[in-house]
Amino acid sequence: MDFNILIGEPEGRDLDLFDGDPVERMDSMTMPQLLRELGLIKSLSQVKGSKYWGDIPDGWSDFTYGKRRDRICILKKG
């Protein structure tokens, strides 16, 4: 499954990065909170100590998560 996430206030051309795919707008949160909000994990402790622990970096992030290889694209504008 693909998830397109927008955090913050983008400029008009920023949405072009998503190629017209549906975009979910979310408040600022940490990566574990985002994974829980998307339903990919049940508790924050599932990712504790992994590379997914911590804040979501500013800018564009594109990665896959889990055995199902869910693709997550995030644009965070601070």
PDB file of N, CA and C in Angstrom:
ATOM      1  N   MET A   1       0.847  -1.171   0.000  1.00  0.00           N
ATOM      2  CA  MET A   1       0.000   0.000   0.000  1.00  0.00           C
ATOM      3  C   MET A   1       0.896   1.238   0.000  1.00  0.00           C
ATOM      4  N   ASP A   2       0.451   2.282  -0.640  1.00  0.00           N
ATOM      5  CA  ASP A   2       1.195   3.532  -0.677  1.00  0.00           C
ATOM      6  C   ASP A   2       0.526   4.568   0.208  1.00  0.00           C
ATOM      7  N   PHE A   3       1.352   5.317   0.943  1.00  0.00           N
ATOM      8  CA  PHE A   3       0.865   6.407   1.783  1.00  0.00           C
ATOM      9  C   PHE A   3       1.584   7.677   1.361  1.00  0.00           C
ATOM     10  N   ASN A   4       0.842   8.739   1.083  1.00  0.00           N
ATOM     11  CA  ASN A   4       1.402  10.040   0.747  1.00  0.00           C
ATOM     12  C   ASN A   4       1.008  11.011   1.849  1.00  0.00           C
ATOM     13  N   ILE A   5       2.005  11.513   2.570  1.00  0.00           N
ATOM     14  CA  ILE A   5       1.773  12.315   3.766  1.00  0.00           C
ATOM     15  C   ILE A   5       2.353  13.709   3.572  1.00  0.00           C
ATOM     16  N   LEU A   6       1.577  14.713   3.949  1.00  0.00           N
ATOM     17  CA  LEU A   6       2.017  16.096   3.896  1.00  0.00           C
ATOM     18  C   LEU A   6       1.944  16.663   5.308  1.00  0.00           C
ATOM     19  N   ILE A   7       3.067  17.185   5.788  1.00  0.00           N
ATOM     20  CA  ILE A   7       3.126  17.786   7.122  1.00  0.00           C
ATOM     21  C   ILE A   7       3.596  19.222   6.962  1.00  0.00           C
ATOM     22  N   GLY A   8       2.830  20.163   7.496  1.00  0.00           N
ATOM     23  CA  GLY A   8       3.189  21.570   7.399  1.00  0.00           C
ATOM     24  C   GLY A   8       2.462  22.265   6.265  1.00  0.00           C
ATOM     25  N   GLU A   9       2.944  23.425   5.878  1.00  0.00           N
ATOM     26  CA  GLU A   9       2.326  24.246   4.848  1.00  0.00           C
ATOM     27  C   GLU A   9       3.175  24.215   3.571  1.00  0.00           C
ATOM     28  N   PRO A  10       2.740  23.506   2.556  1.00  0.00           N
ATOM     29  CA  PRO A  10       3.523  23.406   1.324  1.00  0.00           C
ATOM     30  C   PRO A  10       3.292  24.598   0.405  1.00  0.00           C
ATOM     31  N   GLU A  11       4.193  24.755  -0.540  1.00  0.00           N
ATOM     32  CA  GLU A  11       3.984  25.707  -1.626  1.00  0.00           C
ATOM     33  C   GLU A  11       3.233  24.956  -2.717  1.00  0.00           C
ATOM     34  N   GLY A  12       2.648  25.662  -3.659  1.00  0.00           N
ATOM     35  CA  GLY A  12       1.842  25.036  -4.700  1.00  0.00           C
ATOM     36  C   GLY A  12       2.573  23.966  -5.484  1.00  0.00           C
ATOM     37  N   ARG A  13       3.815  24.203  -5.843  1.00  0.00           N
ATOM     38  CA  ARG A  13       4.555  23.232  -6.654  1.00  0.00           C
ATOM     39  C   ARG A  13       5.005  22.006  -5.857  1.00  0.00           C
ATOM     40  N   ASP A  14       4.962  22.079  -4.528  1.00  0.00           N
ATOM     41  CA  ASP A  14       5.351  20.938  -3.697  1.00  0.00           C
ATOM     42  C   ASP A  14       4.432  19.742  -3.915  1.00  0.00           C
ATOM     43  N   LEU A  15       3.165  19.986  -4.174  1.00  0.00           N
ATOM     44  CA  LEU A  15       2.211  18.898  -4.358  1.00  0.00           C
ATOM     45  C   LEU A  15       2.482  18.121  -5.643  1.00  0.00           C
ATOM     46  N   ASP A  16       3.225  18.719  -6.581  1.00  0.00           N
ATOM     47  CA  ASP A  16       3.585  18.017  -7.821  1.00  0.00           C
ATOM     48  C   ASP A  16       4.462  16.800  -7.542  1.00  0.00           C
ATOM     49  N   LEU A  17       5.152  16.780  -6.407  1.00  0.00           N
ATOM     50  CA  LEU A  17       5.997  15.636  -6.053  1.00  0.00           C
ATOM     51  C   LEU A  17       5.198  14.352  -5.900  1.00  0.00           C
ATOM     52  N   PHE A  18       3.903  14.476  -5.614  1.00  0.00           N
ATOM     53  CA  PHE A  18       3.060  13.308  -5.394  1.00  0.00           C
ATOM     54  C   PHE A  18       2.386  12.814  -6.677  1.00  0.00           C
ATOM     55  N   ASP A  19       2.675  13.422  -7.814  1.00  0.00           N
ATOM     56  CA  ASP A  19       2.143  12.998  -9.120  1.00  0.00           C
ATOM     57  C   ASP A  19       0.629  12.853  -9.134  1.00  0.00           C
ATOM     58  N   GLY A  20      -0.086  13.722  -8.448  1.00  0.00           N
ATOM     59  CA  GLY A  20      -1.538  13.692  -8.467  1.00  0.00           C
ATOM     60  C   GLY A  20      -2.180  12.626  -7.595  1.00  0.00           C
ATOM     61  N   ASP A  21      -1.371  11.821  -6.880  1.00  0.00           N
ATOM     62  CA  ASP A  21      -1.917  10.802  -5.987  1.00  0.00           C
ATOM     63  C   ASP A  21      -2.575  11.473  -4.780  1.00  0.00           C
ATOM     64  N   PRO A  22      -3.551  10.819  -4.149  1.00  0.00           N
ATOM     65  CA  PRO A  22      -4.187  11.382  -2.944  1.00  0.00           C
ATOM     66  C   PRO A  22      -3.161  11.629  -1.836  1.00  0.00           C
ATOM     67  N   VAL A  23      -3.302  12.744  -1.162  1.00  0.00           N
ATOM     68  CA  VAL A  23      -2.357  13.146  -0.116  1.00  0.00           C
ATOM     69  C   VAL A  23      -3.115  13.304   1.198  1.00  0.00           C
ATOM     70  N   GLU A  24      -2.553  12.771   2.268  1.00  0.00           N
ATOM     71  CA  GLU A  24      -3.114  12.915   3.603  1.00  0.00           C
ATOM     72  C   GLU A  24      -2.354  14.012   4.334  1.00  0.00           C
ATOM     73  N   ARG A  25      -3.066  14.989   4.875  1.00  0.00           N
ATOM     74  CA  ARG A  25      -2.418  16.056   5.648  1.00  0.00           C
ATOM     75  C   ARG A  25      -2.441  15.673   7.117  1.00  0.00           C
ATOM     76  N   MET A  26      -1.295  15.829   7.767  1.00  0.00           N
ATOM     77  CA  MET A  26      -1.189  15.476   9.186  1.00  0.00           C
ATOM     78  C   MET A  26      -0.433  16.563   9.930  1.00  0.00           C
ATOM     79  N   ASP A  27      -0.654  16.576  11.246  1.00  0.00           N
ATOM     80  CA  ASP A  27       0.094  17.491  12.111  1.00  0.00           C
ATOM     81  C   ASP A  27       1.493  16.938  12.309  1.00  0.00           C
ATOM     82  N   SER A  28       2.373  17.782  12.797  1.00  0.00           N
ATOM     83  CA  SER A  28       3.732  17.354  13.073  1.00  0.00           C
ATOM     84  C   SER A  28       3.736  16.278  14.151  1.00  0.00           C
ATOM     85  N   MET A  29       4.503  15.226  13.918  1.00  0.00           N
ATOM     86  CA  MET A  29       4.591  14.114  14.856  1.00  0.00           C
ATOM     87  C   MET A  29       5.911  13.396  14.644  1.00  0.00           C
ATOM     88  N   THR A  30       6.203  12.443  15.510  1.00  0.00           N
ATOM     89  CA  THR A  30       7.416  11.646  15.343  1.00  0.00           C
ATOM     90  C   THR A  30       7.127  10.487  14.386  1.00  0.00           C
ATOM     91  N   MET A  31       8.171   9.832  13.918  1.00  0.00           N
ATOM     92  CA  MET A  31       8.003   8.716  12.991  1.00  0.00           C
ATOM     93  C   MET A  31       7.190   7.572  13.616  1.00  0.00           C
ATOM     94  N   PRO A  32       7.462   7.149  14.861  1.00  0.00           N
ATOM     95  CA  PRO A  32       6.637   6.092  15.453  1.00  0.00           C
ATOM     96  C   PRO A  32       5.161   6.474  15.555  1.00  0.00           C
ATOM     97  N   GLN A  33       4.874   7.733  15.889  1.00  0.00           N
ATOM     98  CA  GLN A  33       3.490   8.184  15.958  1.00  0.00           C
ATOM     99  C   GLN A  33       2.826   8.119  14.594  1.00  0.00           C
ATOM    100  N   LEU A  34       3.559   8.474  13.547  1.00  0.00           N
ATOM    101  CA  LEU A  34       3.032   8.407  12.189  1.00  0.00           C
ATOM    102  C   LEU A  34       2.733   6.967  11.785  1.00  0.00           C
ATOM    103  N   LEU A  35       3.660   6.054  12.076  1.00  0.00           N
ATOM    104  CA  LEU A  35       3.448   4.644  11.737  1.00  0.00           C
ATOM    105  C   LEU A  35       2.233   4.076  12.465  1.00  0.00           C
ATOM    106  N   ARG A  36       2.030   4.502  13.714  1.00  0.00           N
ATOM    107  CA  ARG A  36       0.850   4.052  14.467  1.00  0.00           C
ATOM    108  C   ARG A  36      -0.422   4.661  13.880  1.00  0.00           C
ATOM    109  N   GLU A  37      -0.376   5.921  13.512  1.00  0.00           N
ATOM    110  CA  GLU A  37      -1.534   6.599  12.917  1.00  0.00           C
ATOM    111  C   GLU A  37      -1.940   5.952  11.591  1.00  0.00           C
ATOM    112  N   LEU A  38      -0.978   5.474  10.825  1.00  0.00           N
ATOM    113  CA  LEU A  38      -1.247   4.809   9.552  1.00  0.00           C
ATOM    114  C   LEU A  38      -1.707   3.364   9.730  1.00  0.00           C
ATOM    115  N   GLY A  39      -1.619   2.855  10.962  1.00  0.00           N
ATOM    116  CA  GLY A  39      -2.043   1.485  11.233  1.00  0.00           C
ATOM    117  C   GLY A  39      -0.997   0.441  10.898  1.00  0.00           C
ATOM    118  N   LEU A  40       0.256   0.851  10.746  1.00  0.00           N
ATOM    119  CA  LEU A  40       1.332  -0.077  10.407  1.00  0.00           C
ATOM    120  C   LEU A  40       1.940  -0.737  11.639  1.00  0.00           C
ATOM    121  N   ILE A  41       1.767  -0.118  12.807  1.00  0.00           N
ATOM    122  CA  ILE A  41       2.222  -0.707  14.064  1.00  0.00           C
ATOM    123  C   ILE A  41       1.102  -0.546  15.097  1.00  0.00           C
ATOM    124  N   LYS A  42       1.128  -1.393  16.127  1.00  0.00           N
ATOM    125  CA  LYS A  42       0.118  -1.299  17.176  1.00  0.00           C
ATOM    126  C   LYS A  42       0.592  -0.476  18.360  1.00  0.00           C
ATOM    127  N   SER A  43       1.903  -0.506  18.626  1.00  0.00           N
ATOM    128  CA  SER A  43       2.430   0.280  19.746  1.00  0.00           C
ATOM    129  C   SER A  43       3.771   0.887  19.356  1.00  0.00           C
ATOM    130  N   LEU A  44       4.103   1.970  20.016  1.00  0.00           N
ATOM    131  CA  LEU A  44       5.346   2.681  19.707  1.00  0.00           C
ATOM    132  C   LEU A  44       6.576   1.829  19.996  1.00  0.00           C
ATOM    133  N   SER A  45       6.463   0.901  20.934  1.00  0.00           N
ATOM    134  CA  SER A  45       7.618   0.083  21.294  1.00  0.00           C
ATOM    135  C   SER A  45       8.050  -0.863  20.169  1.00  0.00           C
ATOM    136  N   GLN A  46       7.194  -1.088  19.165  1.00  0.00           N
ATOM    137  CA  GLN A  46       7.552  -1.958  18.054  1.00  0.00           C
ATOM    138  C   GLN A  46       8.731  -1.416  17.239  1.00  0.00           C
ATOM    139  N   VAL A  47       8.919  -0.112  17.232  1.00  0.00           N
ATOM    140  CA  VAL A  47      10.010   0.467  16.444  1.00  0.00           C
ATOM    141  C   VAL A  47      11.120   1.050  17.316  1.00  0.00           C
ATOM    142  N   LYS A  48      10.983   0.933  18.628  1.00  0.00           N
ATOM    143  CA  LYS A  48      12.001   1.496  19.526  1.00  0.00           C
ATOM    144  C   LYS A  48      13.365   0.879  19.233  1.00  0.00           C
ATOM    145  N   GLY A  49      14.352   1.722  19.053  1.00  0.00           N
ATOM    146  CA  GLY A  49      15.709   1.261  18.782  1.00  0.00           C
ATOM    147  C   GLY A  49      15.988   0.986  17.307  1.00  0.00           C
ATOM    148  N   SER A  50      14.980   1.169  16.443  1.00  0.00           N
ATOM    149  CA  SER A  50      15.211   0.937  15.012  1.00  0.00           C
ATOM    150  C   SER A  50      15.513   2.258  14.312  1.00  0.00           C
ATOM    151  N   LYS A  51      15.773   2.179  13.018  1.00  0.00           N
ATOM    152  CA  LYS A  51      16.068   3.398  12.255  1.00  0.00           C
ATOM    153  C   LYS A  51      14.831   4.284  12.100  1.00  0.00           C
ATOM    154  N   TYR A  52      13.646   3.765  12.454  1.00  0.00           N
ATOM    155  CA  TYR A  52      12.417   4.536  12.334  1.00  0.00           C
ATOM    156  C   TYR A  52      12.079   5.287  13.616  1.00  0.00           C
ATOM    157  N   TRP A  53      12.938   5.229  14.614  1.00  0.00           N
ATOM    158  CA  TRP A  53      12.704   5.918  15.873  1.00  0.00           C
ATOM    159  C   TRP A  53      13.211   7.342  15.762  1.00  0.00           C
ATOM    160  N   GLY A  54      12.397   8.313  16.130  1.00  0.00           N
ATOM    161  CA  GLY A  54      12.827   9.704  16.149  1.00  0.00           C
ATOM    162  C   GLY A  54      11.914  10.611  15.350  1.00  0.00           C
ATOM    163  N   ASP A  55      12.399  11.819  15.123  1.00  0.00           N
ATOM    164  CA  ASP A  55      11.621  12.822  14.406  1.00  0.00           C
ATOM    165  C   ASP A  55      11.642  12.565  12.905  1.00  0.00           C
ATOM    166  N   ILE A  56      10.624  13.058  12.248  1.00  0.00           N
ATOM    167  CA  ILE A  56      10.572  13.000  10.791  1.00  0.00           C
ATOM    168  C   ILE A  56      11.419  14.171  10.281  1.00  0.00           C
ATOM    169  N   PRO A  57      12.378  13.916   9.402  1.00  0.00           N
ATOM    170  CA  PRO A  57      13.230  15.010   8.925  1.00  0.00           C
ATOM    171  C   PRO A  57      12.460  15.965   8.011  1.00  0.00           C
ATOM    172  N   ASP A  58      12.899  17.231   7.982  1.00  0.00           N
ATOM    173  CA  ASP A  58      12.311  18.203   7.067  1.00  0.00           C
ATOM    174  C   ASP A  58      12.644  17.801   5.634  1.00  0.00           C
ATOM    175  N   GLY A  59      11.766  18.174   4.720  1.00  0.00           N
ATOM    176  CA  GLY A  59      11.994  17.879   3.308  1.00  0.00           C
ATOM    177  C   GLY A  59      11.260  16.626   2.868  1.00  0.00           C
ATOM    178  N   TRP A  60      11.789  16.000   1.821  1.00  0.00           N
ATOM    179  CA  TRP A  60      11.162  14.837   1.195  1.00  0.00           C
ATOM    180  C   TRP A  60      11.764  13.552   1.740  1.00  0.00           C
ATOM    181  N   SER A  61      10.915  12.622   2.138  1.00  0.00           N
ATOM    182  CA  SER A  61      11.339  11.296   2.582  1.00  0.00           C
ATOM    183  C   SER A  61      10.523  10.260   1.814  1.00  0.00           C
ATOM    184  N   ASP A  62      11.177   9.204   1.359  1.00  0.00           N
ATOM    185  CA  ASP A  62      10.509   8.140   0.606  1.00  0.00           C
ATOM    186  C   ASP A  62      11.142   6.825   1.047  1.00  0.00           C
ATOM    187  N   PHE A  63      10.356   5.951   1.678  1.00  0.00           N
ATOM    188  CA  PHE A  63      10.918   4.691   2.158  1.00  0.00           C
ATOM    189  C   PHE A  63       9.838   3.614   2.198  1.00  0.00           C
ATOM    190  N   THR A  64      10.257   2.386   2.379  1.00  0.00           N
ATOM    191  CA  THR A  64       9.320   1.277   2.537  1.00  0.00           C
ATOM    192  C   THR A  64       9.418   0.771   3.971  1.00  0.00           C
ATOM    193  N   TYR A  65       8.310   0.194   4.457  1.00  0.00           N
ATOM    194  CA  TYR A  65       8.271  -0.259   5.844  1.00  0.00           C
ATOM    195  C   TYR A  65       7.585  -1.616   5.921  1.00  0.00           C
ATOM    196  N   GLY A  66       8.142  -2.509   6.701  1.00  0.00           N
ATOM    197  CA  GLY A  66       7.505  -3.772   7.050  1.00  0.00           C
ATOM    198  C   GLY A  66       7.602  -4.869   6.012  1.00  0.00           C
ATOM    199  N   LYS A  67       7.029  -6.011   6.381  1.00  0.00           N
ATOM    200  CA  LYS A  67       7.069  -7.190   5.506  1.00  0.00           C
ATOM    201  C   LYS A  67       6.263  -6.991   4.232  1.00  0.00           C
ATOM    202  N   ARG A  68       5.189  -6.191   4.336  1.00  0.00           N
ATOM    203  CA  ARG A  68       4.368  -5.935   3.146  1.00  0.00           C
ATOM    204  C   ARG A  68       4.994  -4.907   2.219  1.00  0.00           C
ATOM    205  N   ARG A  69       6.098  -4.314   2.664  1.00  0.00           N
ATOM    206  CA  ARG A  69       6.818  -3.311   1.880  1.00  0.00           C
ATOM    207  C   ARG A  69       5.921  -2.116   1.529  1.00  0.00           C
ATOM    208  N   ASP A  70       5.201  -1.610   2.543  1.00  0.00           N
ATOM    209  CA  ASP A  70       4.358  -0.427   2.350  1.00  0.00           C
ATOM    210  C   ASP A  70       5.244   0.771   2.036  1.00  0.00           C
ATOM    211  N   ARG A  71       4.896   1.509   1.011  1.00  0.00           N
ATOM    212  CA  ARG A  71       5.683   2.674   0.612  1.00  0.00           C
ATOM    213  C   ARG A  71       5.093   3.914   1.281  1.00  0.00           C
ATOM    214  N   ILE A  72       5.966   4.696   1.907  1.00  0.00           N
ATOM    215  CA  ILE A  72       5.552   5.902   2.597  1.00  0.00           C
ATOM    216  C   ILE A  72       6.342   7.079   2.026  1.00  0.00           C
ATOM    217  N   CYS A  73       5.627   8.044   1.472  1.00  0.00           N
ATOM    218  CA  CYS A  73       6.241   9.270   0.948  1.00  0.00           C
ATOM    219  C   CYS A  73       5.784  10.422   1.839  1.00  0.00           C
ATOM    220  N   ILE A  74       6.743  11.170   2.369  1.00  0.00           N
ATOM    221  CA  ILE A  74       6.429  12.252   3.295  1.00  0.00           C
ATOM    222  C   ILE A  74       7.081  13.535   2.796  1.00  0.00           C
ATOM    223  N   LEU A  75       6.302  14.609   2.779  1.00  0.00           N
ATOM    224  CA  LEU A  75       6.849  15.936   2.539  1.00  0.00           C
ATOM    225  C   LEU A  75       6.570  16.760   3.792  1.00  0.00           C
ATOM    226  N   LYS A  76       7.648  17.142   4.475  1.00  0.00           N
ATOM    227  CA  LYS A  76       7.520  17.929   5.705  1.00  0.00           C
ATOM    228  C   LYS A  76       8.111  19.295   5.459  1.00  0.00           C
ATOM    229  N   LYS A  77       7.257  20.295   5.565  1.00  0.00           N
ATOM    230  CA  LYS A  77       7.684  21.681   5.397  1.00  0.00           C
ATOM    231  C   LYS A  77       7.603  22.361   6.748  1.00  0.00           C
ATOM    232  N   GLY A  78       8.738  22.755   7.275  1.00  0.00           N
ATOM    233  CA  GLY A  78       8.780  23.371   8.598  1.00  0.00           C
ATOM    234  C   GLY A  78       8.555  24.786   8.548  1.00  0.00           C
TER     235      GLY A  78
END
